[in-house]
């Protein structure tokens, strides 16, 4: 008897439906065809043992399993469940083949028949709904994640015996229900950290507020213990809350990577990723023999924090250049390519020199002449060109730390940031692909960043007197536009330019001596 069951293969952040054809005929051999990997070929022993432990069995006949389309490589153990159900249906141990054909199912079987969790349940559910399947069967731990997709019946099971009973009996099990909008709007998680935790550093907080308001990349330069990491970790708390669309995008990526907690449904807060400086370029941007999303995609709609930036390998830093511009990364292989979204804010921190005390107010730098510039040169000009805001962080005096006055909370700062982002959304509603000031092209700068004669004179004098590089010009205009938005000013004024000029420290000719 020939029957069909359905599984799904995840490629990138999308899924492709896999048709599993099972034929049971006379003979005594077993085979799986259709480009399966080792984990899929090993499914026989897992399925056979799981069925025997639950009073079912693989028939002692010739069983052929074809996984179509045959030119897509089938990877992993999550095909155990649809293969097992196909075999049981073809051998008439499941008596309702029409019902089987209406469901997509995925899950790895343990030897006792229990069903283990899988990766990518959300994109699998989205594809199943798109292709008009009646429902989806997944491990119980993944059910809430998949159930956020409307108009699809999602069932979560712990054991293959429950799946068999589901197909042999009618209306015994209820699908999992999740009110997506209610979940999203009432489950915003408290990160447990706040901008008010940081004492002093008002100028740094101001710089991060500007960065958040305009979506600007930022680098913090300062000695050890000055608070760079503490400030960076609190940046997500002042970013605008995730929209439902952004939450779904982010959840898809984390689902594919297997990073969603068990029994969870959505990612509610903006991601904050902080990889160690020993990371490889593949781990950062994604890839591998079977491509997986990297740290830049894990940080999609959130923050990628690179601590001790010059300590990262140069090859790792250089692969960031294209994603910072395109806001997505394409991983290409001989037979296929996959796209991963990568729209993130880059926040980097570094010591000003190897010893860490160049420009320190009280400690003397012991680095040899020329070492500071050599240290800075570990970061290439093209990468630095994509960082709008440079901030020098100085240690907080003990008197400032001991003060008990209340600082501004993240909620207060975020209100101003959201207000500025709303102004930008309205301004750029007709500009395709532009949502914030940081995304403006040189042509769009001329259209949206007008400055008067006084402002132009100020900018010209700053460029000449401070020895700012040519690449600083556009960055200053973008940051000034954001400062004006925070002040709810339609035009960029000289005072906005003056503040923006301060945020180009590393472009000054005399900064490294």
Protein backbone atom coordinates (compact mmCIF):
# COMPACT_ATOMS: atom_id res chain seq x y z
CA UNK A 1 0.00 0.00 0.00
CA UNK A 2 1.28 3.48 -0.92
CA UNK A 3 0.52 6.46 1.37
CA UNK A 4 1.80 9.99 1.85
CA UNK A 5 2.61 11.91 5.01
CA UNK A 6 4.13 15.36 5.22
CA UNK A 7 7.09 16.91 7.02
CA UNK A 8 9.05 20.11 6.50
CA UNK A 9 12.63 21.23 5.84
CA UNK A 10 13.89 24.57 7.16
CA UNK A 11 16.09 26.60 4.81
CA UNK A 12 17.21 29.97 6.11
CA UNK A 13 14.26 31.32 8.09
CA UNK A 14 11.65 29.71 5.83
CA UNK A 15 10.37 26.15 5.48
CA UNK A 16 9.72 23.84 2.52
CA UNK A 17 7.11 21.08 2.73
CA UNK A 18 8.54 17.58 2.30
CA UNK A 19 6.29 14.81 0.97
CA UNK A 20 7.10 11.44 2.54
CA UNK A 21 5.88 8.59 0.35
CA UNK A 22 5.81 5.16 2.00
CA UNK A 23 5.27 1.93 0.10
CA UNK A 24 4.87 -1.42 1.87
CA UNK A 25 5.11 -4.43 -0.41
CA UNK A 26 6.33 -8.02 -0.52
CA UNK A 27 9.96 -8.52 0.50
CA UNK A 28 12.11 -8.04 3.59
CA UNK A 29 14.22 -4.89 3.04
CA UNK A 30 14.03 -1.28 4.27
CA UNK A 31 15.30 1.81 2.44
CA UNK A 32 15.05 5.60 2.61
CA UNK A 33 15.71 7.62 -0.56
CA UNK A 34 15.52 11.32 -1.40
CA UNK A 35 18.89 12.69 -0.26
CA UNK A 36 18.69 11.86 3.47
CA UNK A 37 21.62 12.56 5.78
CA UNK A 38 22.98 10.11 8.37
CA UNK A 39 20.50 11.18 11.06
CA UNK A 40 17.56 10.47 8.75
CA UNK A 41 18.96 7.08 7.68
CA UNK A 42 19.37 6.13 11.35
CA UNK A 43 15.64 6.71 11.88
CA UNK A 44 14.86 3.00 11.27
CA UNK A 45 16.26 1.83 14.60
CA UNK A 46 14.65 4.66 16.56
CA UNK A 47 11.25 4.10 14.91
CA UNK A 48 11.37 0.31 15.22
CA UNK A 49 12.22 0.40 18.93
CA UNK A 50 9.73 3.18 19.71
CA UNK A 51 6.89 1.31 18.02
CA UNK A 52 7.70 -1.99 19.73
CA UNK A 53 7.67 -0.29 23.14
CA UNK A 54 4.15 0.93 22.35
CA UNK A 55 2.76 -2.39 21.01
CA UNK A 56 3.14 -1.50 17.32
CA UNK A 57 5.77 -2.60 14.81
CA UNK A 58 7.36 -2.00 11.44
CA UNK A 59 5.98 -4.72 9.12
CA UNK A 60 8.48 -7.41 8.15
CA UNK A 61 8.06 -6.60 4.48
CA UNK A 62 9.79 -4.44 1.89
CA UNK A 63 9.37 -0.82 3.03
CA UNK A 64 10.50 2.03 0.75
CA UNK A 65 10.40 5.63 1.99
CA UNK A 66 10.85 8.41 -0.57
CA UNK A 67 11.34 11.98 0.64
CA UNK A 68 10.43 14.50 -2.06
CA UNK A 69 11.58 16.78 -3.55
CA UNK A 70 14.64 14.56 -3.87
CA UNK A 71 17.08 17.38 -4.70
CA UNK A 72 16.75 19.00 -1.24
CA UNK A 73 18.97 17.48 1.45
CA UNK A 74 16.94 16.14 4.39
CA UNK A 75 18.79 16.77 7.66
CA UNK A 76 18.25 15.82 11.26
CA UNK A 77 16.16 13.44 13.32
CA UNK A 78 12.91 15.46 13.26
CA UNK A 79 11.62 13.35 10.33
CA UNK A 80 11.18 10.35 12.66
CA UNK A 81 7.53 11.16 13.35
CA UNK A 82 6.22 11.61 9.77
CA UNK A 83 8.16 8.52 8.62
CA UNK A 84 6.74 6.43 11.48
CA UNK A 85 3.19 7.64 10.82
CA UNK A 86 3.63 6.92 7.09
CA UNK A 87 4.81 3.36 7.81
CA UNK A 88 1.94 2.71 10.23
CA UNK A 89 -0.59 4.05 7.72
CA UNK A 90 0.86 2.06 4.80
CA UNK A 91 0.71 -1.09 6.92
CA UNK A 92 -2.90 -0.26 7.95
CA UNK A 93 -2.08 0.11 11.65
CA UNK A 94 -3.38 3.68 11.27
CA UNK A 95 -6.74 3.35 9.53
CA UNK A 96 -7.38 6.94 8.41
CA UNK A 97 -4.97 7.84 5.57
CA UNK A 98 -7.11 10.79 4.42
CA UNK A 99 -6.70 12.44 7.82
CA UNK A 100 -2.94 11.82 7.79
CA UNK A 101 -2.62 13.67 4.45
CA UNK A 102 -4.14 16.84 5.96
CA UNK A 103 -1.39 17.36 8.55
CA UNK A 104 2.27 18.34 8.57
CA UNK A 105 4.18 16.67 11.41
CA UNK A 106 7.71 16.81 12.79
CA UNK A 107 9.40 15.31 15.84
CA UNK A 108 12.31 13.15 16.94
CA UNK A 109 11.42 9.83 18.58
CA UNK A 110 13.09 8.48 21.70
CA UNK A 111 13.38 4.72 22.07
CA UNK A 112 10.42 4.70 24.47
CA UNK A 113 8.23 6.56 21.95
CA UNK A 114 8.39 10.00 23.53
CA UNK A 115 8.70 12.94 21.12
CA UNK A 116 11.59 15.37 21.53
CA UNK A 117 11.52 19.08 20.66
CA UNK A 118 12.56 20.39 17.26
CA UNK A 119 14.00 23.55 15.72
CA UNK A 120 12.05 25.86 13.42
CA UNK A 121 8.49 25.09 14.54
CA UNK A 122 7.32 28.63 13.74
CA UNK A 123 8.46 28.80 10.07
CA UNK A 124 7.12 25.25 9.61
CA UNK A 125 3.71 26.38 10.90
CA UNK A 126 3.72 29.46 8.65
CA UNK A 127 4.42 27.31 5.57
CA UNK A 128 1.77 24.74 6.57
CA UNK A 129 -0.87 27.47 6.78
CA UNK A 130 0.27 28.99 3.49
CA UNK A 131 -0.12 25.61 1.75
CA UNK A 132 -3.63 25.08 3.17
CA UNK A 133 -2.92 22.14 5.46
CA UNK A 134 -5.57 21.55 8.12
CA UNK A 135 -3.08 21.36 10.95
CA UNK A 136 0.38 20.73 12.35
CA UNK A 137 1.59 18.09 14.80
CA UNK A 138 4.72 18.93 16.81
CA UNK A 139 6.27 17.97 20.16
CA UNK A 140 4.35 19.44 23.08
CA UNK A 141 7.31 21.66 23.99
CA UNK A 142 7.04 23.41 20.59
CA UNK A 143 3.23 23.65 20.47
CA UNK A 144 2.84 27.19 21.83
CA UNK A 145 5.53 28.48 19.50
CA UNK A 146 3.72 27.07 16.45
CA UNK A 147 0.24 27.97 17.73
CA UNK A 148 0.82 31.71 17.33
CA UNK A 149 0.07 31.13 13.64
CA UNK A 150 -3.65 31.80 13.06
CA UNK A 151 -5.98 29.60 10.99
CA UNK A 152 -3.98 26.43 11.65
CA UNK A 153 -4.83 23.67 14.14
CA UNK A 154 -1.68 22.92 16.12
CA UNK A 155 -1.46 19.78 18.27
CA UNK A 156 1.32 19.10 20.73
CA UNK A 157 2.00 15.50 21.75
CA UNK A 158 4.41 13.88 24.20
CA UNK A 159 4.35 10.34 22.81
CA UNK A 160 3.81 8.60 19.47
CA UNK A 161 0.96 6.60 21.04
CA UNK A 162 -1.01 9.85 21.36
CA UNK A 163 -0.34 10.61 17.67
CA UNK A 164 -1.60 7.16 16.64
CA UNK A 165 -4.74 7.60 18.78
CA UNK A 166 -5.26 11.04 17.25
CA UNK A 167 -5.37 9.62 13.70
CA UNK A 168 -7.42 6.54 14.63
CA UNK A 169 -10.04 8.38 16.67
CA UNK A 170 -12.09 11.53 16.04
CA UNK A 171 -12.33 14.65 18.23
CA UNK A 172 -10.43 13.21 21.18
CA UNK A 173 -7.71 15.89 21.32
CA UNK A 174 -8.02 19.67 21.37
CA UNK A 175 -5.63 21.93 19.44
CA UNK A 176 -3.41 24.36 21.33
CA UNK A 177 -4.78 27.91 21.32
CA UNK A 178 -2.64 31.03 21.72
CA UNK A 179 -4.03 34.57 21.48
CA UNK A 180 -1.01 36.09 19.75
CA UNK A 181 -1.90 39.74 20.30
CA UNK A 182 -2.86 39.20 23.93
CA UNK A 183 0.38 37.26 24.52
CA UNK A 184 2.41 40.02 22.92
CA UNK A 185 0.84 43.02 24.59
CA UNK A 186 0.62 41.53 28.09
CA UNK A 187 3.87 39.61 28.35
CA UNK A 188 6.54 42.23 27.78
CA UNK A 189 9.34 41.03 30.03
CA UNK A 190 11.10 43.25 32.55
CA UNK A 191 14.82 43.03 31.69
CA UNK A 192 15.76 43.68 35.31
CA UNK A 193 18.23 46.43 34.39
CA UNK A 194 17.66 50.14 33.95
CA UNK A 195 19.47 53.29 32.86
CA UNK A 196 18.99 54.67 36.36
CA UNK A 197 21.44 52.01 37.62
CA UNK A 198 24.31 54.00 36.07
CA UNK A 199 25.67 56.82 38.23
CA UNK A 200 26.95 59.92 36.47
CA UNK A 201 27.98 59.54 32.82
CA UNK A 202 25.30 61.99 31.67
CA UNK A 203 27.12 62.73 28.42
CA UNK A 204 27.40 59.01 27.61
CA UNK A 205 23.73 58.44 28.38
CA UNK A 206 22.93 61.34 26.09
CA UNK A 207 25.00 59.77 23.30
CA UNK A 208 23.22 56.43 23.68
CA UNK A 209 19.85 58.17 23.68
CA UNK A 210 20.78 59.82 20.38
CA UNK A 211 22.01 56.49 19.00
CA UNK A 212 18.73 54.79 19.98
CA UNK A 213 16.62 57.61 18.56
CA UNK A 214 18.31 57.51 15.15
CA UNK A 215 19.33 53.85 14.93
CA UNK A 216 23.00 54.90 14.84
CA UNK A 217 25.92 52.55 15.40
CA UNK A 218 28.12 53.68 18.29
CA UNK A 219 31.59 53.00 19.69
CA UNK A 220 32.57 53.66 23.32
CA UNK A 221 36.25 54.38 23.99
CA UNK A 222 37.52 54.47 27.56
CA UNK A 223 39.76 52.88 30.21
CA UNK A 224 38.89 49.67 32.08
CA UNK A 225 36.16 50.07 34.68
CA UNK A 226 34.66 53.23 33.23
CA UNK A 227 31.25 51.62 32.66
CA UNK A 228 31.28 50.88 28.90
CA UNK A 229 29.77 47.40 29.18
CA UNK A 230 27.26 48.45 31.83
CA UNK A 231 26.00 51.25 29.60
CA UNK A 232 25.86 49.07 26.47
CA UNK A 233 23.79 46.39 28.21
CA UNK A 234 21.17 48.98 29.10
CA UNK A 235 20.78 50.30 25.55
CA UNK A 236 17.95 47.83 24.65
CA UNK A 237 15.89 49.20 27.56
CA UNK A 238 15.58 52.59 25.84
CA UNK A 239 14.91 51.29 22.33
CA UNK A 240 11.29 51.40 21.10
CA UNK A 241 9.33 48.26 22.11
CA UNK A 242 9.14 45.51 19.49
CA UNK A 243 6.15 45.69 17.19
CA UNK A 244 4.20 42.45 16.68
CA UNK A 245 5.70 42.11 13.19
CA UNK A 246 9.23 42.55 14.56
CA UNK A 247 8.51 40.05 17.35
CA UNK A 248 7.42 37.43 14.81
CA UNK A 249 10.52 38.09 12.66
CA UNK A 250 12.81 37.75 15.65
CA UNK A 251 11.02 34.65 16.92
CA UNK A 252 11.44 32.91 13.54
CA UNK A 253 15.22 33.36 13.67
CA UNK A 254 15.51 32.18 17.27
CA UNK A 255 13.24 29.24 16.46
CA UNK A 256 15.45 28.13 13.56
CA UNK A 257 18.52 28.42 15.79
CA UNK A 258 16.84 26.41 18.56
CA UNK A 259 17.20 29.23 21.09
CA UNK A 260 13.56 29.62 22.13
CA UNK A 261 12.82 28.41 25.68
CA UNK A 262 10.54 25.38 25.97
CA UNK A 263 6.78 26.07 25.97
CA UNK A 264 7.38 29.70 24.88
CA UNK A 265 5.56 31.43 22.05
CA UNK A 266 7.11 34.79 21.19
CA UNK A 267 10.27 36.83 21.74
CA UNK A 268 8.94 39.90 23.55
CA UNK A 269 12.04 42.04 24.05
CA UNK A 270 14.76 43.28 21.73
CA UNK A 271 17.70 40.86 21.52
CA UNK A 272 21.08 41.76 22.99
CA UNK A 273 23.94 39.60 21.67
CA UNK A 274 27.46 39.88 23.02
CA UNK A 275 29.81 37.34 21.39
CA UNK A 276 33.33 36.79 22.75
CA UNK A 277 36.22 38.24 20.73
CA UNK A 278 37.44 34.73 19.84
CA UNK A 279 34.37 34.19 17.63
CA UNK A 280 34.91 33.04 14.04
CA UNK A 281 33.59 34.89 11.00
CA UNK A 282 31.16 32.01 10.25
CA UNK A 283 29.76 32.09 13.79
CA UNK A 284 29.29 35.85 13.52
CA UNK A 285 27.53 36.11 10.15
CA UNK A 286 26.15 32.57 9.87
CA UNK A 287 26.97 29.62 7.64
CA UNK A 288 28.52 26.20 8.06
CA UNK A 289 28.09 23.05 5.97
CA UNK A 290 24.37 23.19 6.80
CA UNK A 291 23.89 26.98 7.16
CA UNK A 292 22.62 28.33 10.46
CA UNK A 293 22.00 31.97 11.45
CA UNK A 294 24.94 33.75 13.08
CA UNK A 295 25.16 36.32 15.85
CA UNK A 296 24.25 39.22 13.56
CA UNK A 297 20.95 37.50 12.72
CA UNK A 298 20.38 36.58 16.38
CA UNK A 299 20.65 40.35 17.03
CA UNK A 300 18.04 41.20 14.34
CA UNK A 301 15.79 44.04 15.61
CA UNK A 302 18.11 44.43 18.58
CA UNK A 303 21.71 45.17 19.58
CA UNK A 304 24.99 43.47 18.67
CA UNK A 305 27.61 44.38 21.29
CA UNK A 306 31.27 43.78 20.46
CA UNK A 307 33.31 44.29 23.62
CA UNK A 308 37.05 45.00 23.19
CA UNK A 309 36.63 45.60 19.46
CA UNK A 310 40.34 45.65 18.46
CA UNK A 311 40.79 42.16 19.96
CA UNK A 312 38.46 40.62 17.34
CA UNK A 313 40.23 39.10 14.36
CA UNK A 314 40.35 41.50 11.45
CA UNK A 315 38.70 38.97 9.13
CA UNK A 316 35.76 38.74 11.56
CA UNK A 317 35.29 42.51 11.66
CA UNK A 318 35.52 42.90 7.89
CA UNK A 319 32.60 40.54 7.24
CA UNK A 320 30.39 43.00 9.14
CA UNK A 321 30.72 45.68 6.50
CA UNK A 322 28.12 44.43 4.01
CA UNK A 323 25.45 43.40 6.57
CA UNK A 324 25.72 46.82 8.22
CA UNK A 325 24.77 48.40 4.88
CA UNK A 326 22.32 45.82 3.46
CA UNK A 327 20.75 44.75 6.79
CA UNK A 328 20.72 41.12 5.66
CA UNK A 329 23.28 38.43 4.91
CA UNK A 330 23.26 35.91 2.07
CA UNK A 331 25.02 32.58 2.66
CA UNK A 332 25.86 30.91 -0.67
CA UNK A 333 26.78 27.30 -1.29
CA UNK A 334 27.31 25.35 -4.51
CA UNK A 335 23.75 23.97 -4.57
CA UNK A 336 21.76 26.70 -2.82
CA UNK A 337 21.84 30.01 -0.98
CA UNK A 338 19.90 31.26 2.04
CA UNK A 339 19.10 34.76 3.27
CA UNK A 340 19.07 35.76 6.92
CA UNK A 341 17.82 39.17 8.12
CA UNK A 342 20.41 41.21 10.01
CA UNK A 343 19.00 44.62 10.89
CA UNK A 344 20.77 45.47 14.14
CA UNK A 345 22.42 48.32 15.99
CA UNK A 346 26.15 47.83 16.39
CA UNK A 347 27.55 48.92 19.74
CA UNK A 348 31.29 48.47 20.21
CA UNK A 349 33.62 49.24 23.08
CA UNK A 350 37.38 49.43 23.33
CA UNK A 351 40.26 50.62 25.44
CA UNK A 352 42.04 53.63 23.93
CA UNK A 353 45.39 51.78 23.91
CA UNK A 354 46.90 48.41 24.95
CA UNK A 355 47.53 49.52 28.53
CA UNK A 356 44.08 51.14 28.66
CA UNK A 357 45.01 54.53 30.12
CA UNK A 358 45.62 56.86 27.16
CA UNK A 359 43.81 60.18 27.88
CA UNK A 360 43.01 58.98 31.43
CA UNK A 361 42.45 61.95 33.80
CA UNK A 362 44.63 60.54 36.62
CA UNK A 363 46.64 57.53 35.38
CA UNK A 364 49.54 57.73 32.97
CA UNK A 365 49.66 55.76 29.73
CA UNK A 366 52.80 53.58 29.50
CA UNK A 367 52.48 52.68 25.83
CA UNK A 368 55.42 53.44 23.54
CA UNK A 369 55.16 56.21 20.90
CA UNK A 370 53.05 55.17 17.93
CA UNK A 371 51.44 52.26 19.76
CA UNK A 372 48.12 54.06 20.27
CA UNK A 373 47.71 54.72 16.56
CA UNK A 374 48.76 51.16 15.74
CA UNK A 375 46.14 49.87 18.18
CA UNK A 376 43.42 51.97 16.54
CA UNK A 377 44.51 50.78 13.10
CA UNK A 378 43.32 47.27 13.99
CA UNK A 379 39.87 48.63 13.08
CA UNK A 380 39.68 49.34 9.36
CA UNK A 381 38.55 52.68 7.95
CA UNK A 382 35.58 51.16 6.04
CA UNK A 383 34.23 49.63 9.24
CA UNK A 384 34.77 52.79 11.26
CA UNK A 385 33.01 54.65 8.44
CA UNK A 386 29.82 52.77 9.34
CA UNK A 387 29.89 53.91 12.98
CA UNK A 388 28.18 57.27 13.36
CA UNK A 389 28.91 58.08 17.01
CA UNK A 390 32.28 57.94 18.80
CA UNK A 391 32.11 58.54 22.54
CA UNK A 392 34.98 58.93 25.01
CA UNK A 393 34.05 57.39 28.36
CA UNK A 394 35.91 58.64 31.42
CA UNK A 395 35.81 57.02 34.89
CA UNK A 396 33.10 58.27 37.25
CA UNK A 397 34.52 60.11 40.32
CA UNK A 398 33.82 58.39 43.62
CA UNK A 399 31.82 61.43 44.76
CA UNK A 400 29.44 60.92 41.83
CA UNK A 401 29.03 57.21 42.59
CA UNK A 402 28.19 57.95 46.24
CA UNK A 403 25.40 60.39 45.35
CA UNK A 404 21.90 59.15 46.16
CA UNK A 405 19.99 61.36 43.74
CA UNK A 406 17.65 59.54 41.36
CA UNK A 407 18.74 59.32 37.73
CA UNK A 408 16.40 59.17 34.75
CA UNK A 409 14.83 55.75 34.25
CA UNK A 410 14.86 53.84 30.98
CA UNK A 411 11.12 54.43 30.64
CA UNK A 412 11.56 58.22 30.64
CA UNK A 413 14.38 58.09 28.08
CA UNK A 414 12.50 55.58 25.91
CA UNK A 415 9.53 57.95 25.70
CA UNK A 416 11.74 60.58 24.05
CA UNK A 417 13.31 57.96 21.76
CA UNK A 418 9.91 56.68 20.60
CA UNK A 419 8.74 60.21 19.94
CA UNK A 420 11.80 60.88 17.75
CA UNK A 421 11.36 57.56 15.90
CA UNK A 422 7.72 58.45 15.16
CA UNK A 423 8.84 61.72 13.58
CA UNK A 424 11.28 59.81 11.38
CA UNK A 425 8.67 57.23 10.39
CA UNK A 426 6.39 60.02 9.22
CA UNK A 427 9.19 61.85 7.39
CA UNK A 428 10.44 58.78 5.53
CA UNK A 429 7.13 57.06 4.78
CA UNK A 430 7.69 57.62 1.05
CA UNK A 431 11.39 56.62 1.12
CA UNK A 432 11.68 52.88 0.46
CA UNK A 433 13.85 50.98 2.94
CA UNK A 434 14.47 54.00 5.20
CA UNK A 435 13.04 53.90 8.72
CA UNK A 436 15.57 55.92 10.71
CA UNK A 437 18.15 58.67 10.20
CA UNK A 438 21.04 56.20 10.23
CA UNK A 439 19.76 54.66 6.97
CA UNK A 440 19.89 57.86 4.92
CA UNK A 441 21.89 57.74 1.70
CA UNK A 442 24.09 60.69 0.58
CA UNK A 443 21.36 61.73 -1.87
CA UNK A 444 18.70 61.63 0.85
CA UNK A 445 20.91 63.68 3.19
CA UNK A 446 20.60 66.61 0.77
CA UNK A 447 16.84 66.23 0.78
CA UNK A 448 16.19 65.79 4.51
CA UNK A 449 19.15 67.43 6.28
CA UNK A 450 19.02 71.11 5.40
CA UNK A 451 21.25 73.46 7.40
CA UNK A 452 21.32 77.26 7.33
CA UNK A 453 24.30 79.50 6.58
CA UNK A 454 25.34 79.74 10.24
CA UNK A 455 25.26 75.97 10.56
CA UNK A 456 27.27 75.47 7.36
CA UNK A 457 29.93 77.92 8.55
CA UNK A 458 30.14 76.14 11.90
CA UNK A 459 30.53 72.77 10.20
CA UNK A 460 33.19 74.09 7.81
CA UNK A 461 35.23 75.56 10.67
CA UNK A 462 34.97 72.33 12.68
CA UNK A 463 36.12 70.24 9.74
CA UNK A 464 39.14 72.50 9.26
CA UNK A 465 40.10 73.22 12.88
CA UNK A 466 39.64 69.69 14.26
CA UNK A 467 41.08 68.01 11.17
CA UNK A 468 37.99 65.87 10.72
CA UNK A 469 38.06 63.41 7.84
CA UNK A 470 35.74 63.74 4.86
CA UNK A 471 33.75 60.68 5.95
CA UNK A 472 32.81 62.52 9.16
CA UNK A 473 30.76 65.11 7.23
CA UNK A 474 27.78 62.89 6.40
CA UNK A 475 27.87 61.23 9.82
CA UNK A 476 27.65 64.59 11.56
CA UNK A 477 24.63 65.55 9.47
CA UNK A 478 22.83 62.28 10.29
CA UNK A 479 23.47 62.60 14.02
CA UNK A 480 22.49 66.29 13.96
CA UNK A 481 19.21 65.32 12.27
CA UNK A 482 18.51 62.92 15.15
CA UNK A 483 19.39 65.54 17.76
CA UNK A 484 16.94 67.91 16.06
CA UNK A 485 14.26 65.21 16.13
CA UNK A 486 14.78 64.71 19.87
CA UNK A 487 14.30 68.45 20.26
CA UNK A 488 11.24 68.24 17.97
CA UNK A 489 12.84 70.78 15.65
CA UNK A 490 11.95 70.69 11.97
CA UNK A 491 15.28 72.21 10.96
CA UNK A 492 18.84 71.37 11.97
CA UNK A 493 20.16 74.29 14.02
CA UNK A 494 23.80 75.24 14.80
CA UNK A 495 23.47 73.91 18.35
CA UNK A 496 22.43 70.51 16.99
CA UNK A 497 25.47 70.47 14.71
CA UNK A 498 27.74 71.55 17.56
CA UNK A 499 26.62 68.59 19.69
CA UNK A 500 26.96 66.17 16.75
CA UNK A 501 30.52 67.33 16.06
CA UNK A 502 31.54 66.18 19.56
CA UNK A 503 30.71 62.59 18.59
CA UNK A 504 33.51 62.19 16.02
CA UNK A 505 36.45 61.75 18.39
CA UNK A 506 38.36 59.16 16.39
CA UNK A 507 38.19 61.25 13.22
CA UNK A 508 40.28 64.05 14.72
CA UNK A 509 43.84 64.13 13.38
CA UNK A 510 45.30 64.76 16.84
CA UNK A 511 43.30 62.19 18.83
CA UNK A 512 46.03 59.54 18.96
CA UNK A 513 48.81 62.04 19.40
